Protein backbone atom coordinates (compact mmCIF):
# COMPACT_ATOMS: atom_id res chain seq x y z
CA MET A 1 19.57 -17.11 -5.54
CA THR A 2 18.93 -15.97 -9.14
CA THR A 3 21.54 -14.39 -11.49
CA PRO A 4 20.71 -10.86 -12.53
CA SER A 5 20.03 -10.50 -16.21
CA GLN A 6 22.35 -8.59 -18.48
CA SER A 7 21.22 -4.81 -18.73
CA ALA A 8 22.85 -1.79 -20.13
CA GLY A 9 25.09 -0.18 -17.72
CA PRO A 10 28.65 -0.77 -16.34
CA GLN A 11 30.33 -4.19 -16.36
CA ILE A 12 30.86 -5.47 -12.86
CA ASN A 13 33.98 -7.43 -12.05
CA ILE A 14 33.81 -9.80 -9.05
CA PRO A 15 37.27 -10.51 -7.89
CA GLU A 16 38.47 -14.03 -8.13
CA GLY A 17 38.27 -15.77 -4.64
CA MET A 18 35.67 -13.11 -3.26
CA GLU A 19 33.40 -14.69 -0.74
CA PRO A 20 30.08 -13.57 0.26
CA ALA A 21 29.56 -12.24 3.83
CA TYR A 22 26.48 -13.31 5.66
CA VAL A 23 25.32 -10.49 7.92
CA ASN A 24 22.21 -10.38 10.33
CA LEU A 25 22.84 -6.66 11.72
CA ALA A 26 23.22 -3.28 10.15
CA ARG A 27 24.24 -0.12 11.75
CA ILE A 28 23.42 3.16 9.74
CA TRP A 29 24.70 6.49 10.47
CA HIS A 30 25.35 9.73 8.56
CA SER A 31 27.13 12.94 8.18
CA LEU A 32 26.12 16.09 6.02
CA THR A 33 27.70 14.28 2.93
CA ASP A 34 27.87 10.56 3.71
CA ILE A 35 25.69 7.66 4.65
CA VAL A 36 27.65 4.79 6.29
CA ILE A 37 26.32 1.48 6.65
CA ASP A 38 28.26 -1.15 8.87
CA PHE A 39 27.21 -4.76 8.09
CA ALA A 40 27.83 -7.34 10.82
CA TYR A 41 27.27 -10.67 12.16
CA ILE A 42 26.15 -11.44 15.71
CA LEU A 43 24.98 -14.70 17.24
CA PRO A 44 21.73 -14.47 19.50
CA SER A 45 23.49 -15.48 22.58
CA GLU A 46 26.61 -13.20 22.16
CA GLY A 47 26.62 -9.40 22.93
CA ARG A 48 29.32 -8.44 20.48
CA ALA A 49 29.00 -8.02 16.69
CA ASN A 50 31.69 -8.66 14.26
CA ILE A 51 31.70 -6.07 11.35
CA ARG A 52 32.08 -7.67 7.95
CA SER A 53 31.80 -4.79 5.74
CA ARG A 54 31.41 -1.06 5.90
CA VAL A 55 29.88 0.72 2.88
CA VAL A 56 30.01 4.43 2.64
CA MET A 57 27.84 6.37 0.08
CA THR A 58 26.33 9.64 -0.74
CA PRO A 59 22.81 10.34 0.25
CA LEU A 60 21.67 10.18 -3.35
CA SER A 61 23.15 6.64 -3.83
CA ALA A 62 21.70 5.63 -0.52
CA LYS A 63 18.18 6.77 -1.75
CA LEU A 64 18.73 4.95 -4.98
CA LEU A 65 19.77 1.77 -3.25
CA LEU A 66 16.64 1.96 -1.02
CA ARG A 67 14.47 2.28 -4.20
CA ALA A 68 16.15 -0.72 -5.60
CA LEU A 69 15.77 -2.78 -2.29
CA ASN A 70 12.05 -1.84 -2.37
CA GLU A 71 11.49 -2.84 -5.94
CA ASN A 72 13.45 -6.20 -5.35
CA LEU A 73 11.63 -7.01 -2.14
CA ALA A 74 8.24 -6.28 -4.00
CA ARG A 75 9.20 -8.83 -6.81
CA TYR A 76 10.31 -11.22 -4.08
CA GLU A 77 7.07 -11.07 -2.19
CA ALA A 78 5.09 -11.23 -5.45
CA ALA A 79 6.91 -14.55 -6.17
CA PHE A 80 7.22 -15.93 -2.67
CA GLY A 81 4.74 -14.32 -0.41
CA GLU A 82 4.68 -11.48 2.12
CA ILE A 83 7.65 -11.25 4.42
CA LYS A 84 5.92 -10.66 7.81
CA LEU A 85 7.72 -8.47 10.33
CA PRO A 86 7.37 -9.12 14.12
CA SER A 87 4.70 -6.85 15.59
CA ASN A 88 4.78 -6.95 19.31
CA ASN A 89 8.48 -6.46 19.82
CA SER A 90 11.47 -4.65 18.03
CA LEU A 91 13.25 -6.54 15.32
CA ALA A 92 16.38 -6.46 17.50
CA GLU A 93 14.59 -8.06 20.27
CA ASN A 94 13.40 -11.01 17.90
CA LEU A 95 16.72 -11.60 16.45
CA PHE A 96 18.99 -11.07 19.43
CA ARG A 97 16.99 -12.27 22.52
CA LYS A 98 18.36 -14.78 24.89
CA PHE A 99 16.54 -17.97 24.81
CA PRO A 100 14.81 -19.02 28.13
CA PRO A 101 16.32 -22.48 29.19
CA SER A 102 13.03 -24.33 27.88
CA GLU A 103 13.45 -22.63 24.44
CA SER A 104 17.16 -23.33 24.02
CA PRO A 105 17.89 -24.96 20.87
CA GLU A 106 18.91 -28.70 21.35
CA PRO A 107 22.25 -29.78 20.18
CA PRO A 108 22.19 -32.21 17.28
CA LYS A 109 21.82 -35.93 18.32
CA GLU A 110 24.35 -38.36 16.98
């Protein structure tokens, strides 16, 4: 992970002791005035996700976030190569499918 460069704009304070939350699932919904994104973590073999964070923003802020994500992903791919998306199934099926017995991950050997 790289540290963002200093730029003009507000100073952002990260509270002491704040820990990052790993998420692999996002649920997005909206009303007339808000976009809501629930970020969650789910294990492939489980059917229940645990929400780690809920972000509520205006549609304008969501569109600006989308633009920033697109710009950052373009820079990432320029540096590290294209991120390939699955084409034959939905992303959810690839992330959360149940492993057949022959594909089950082996436990670590001691």
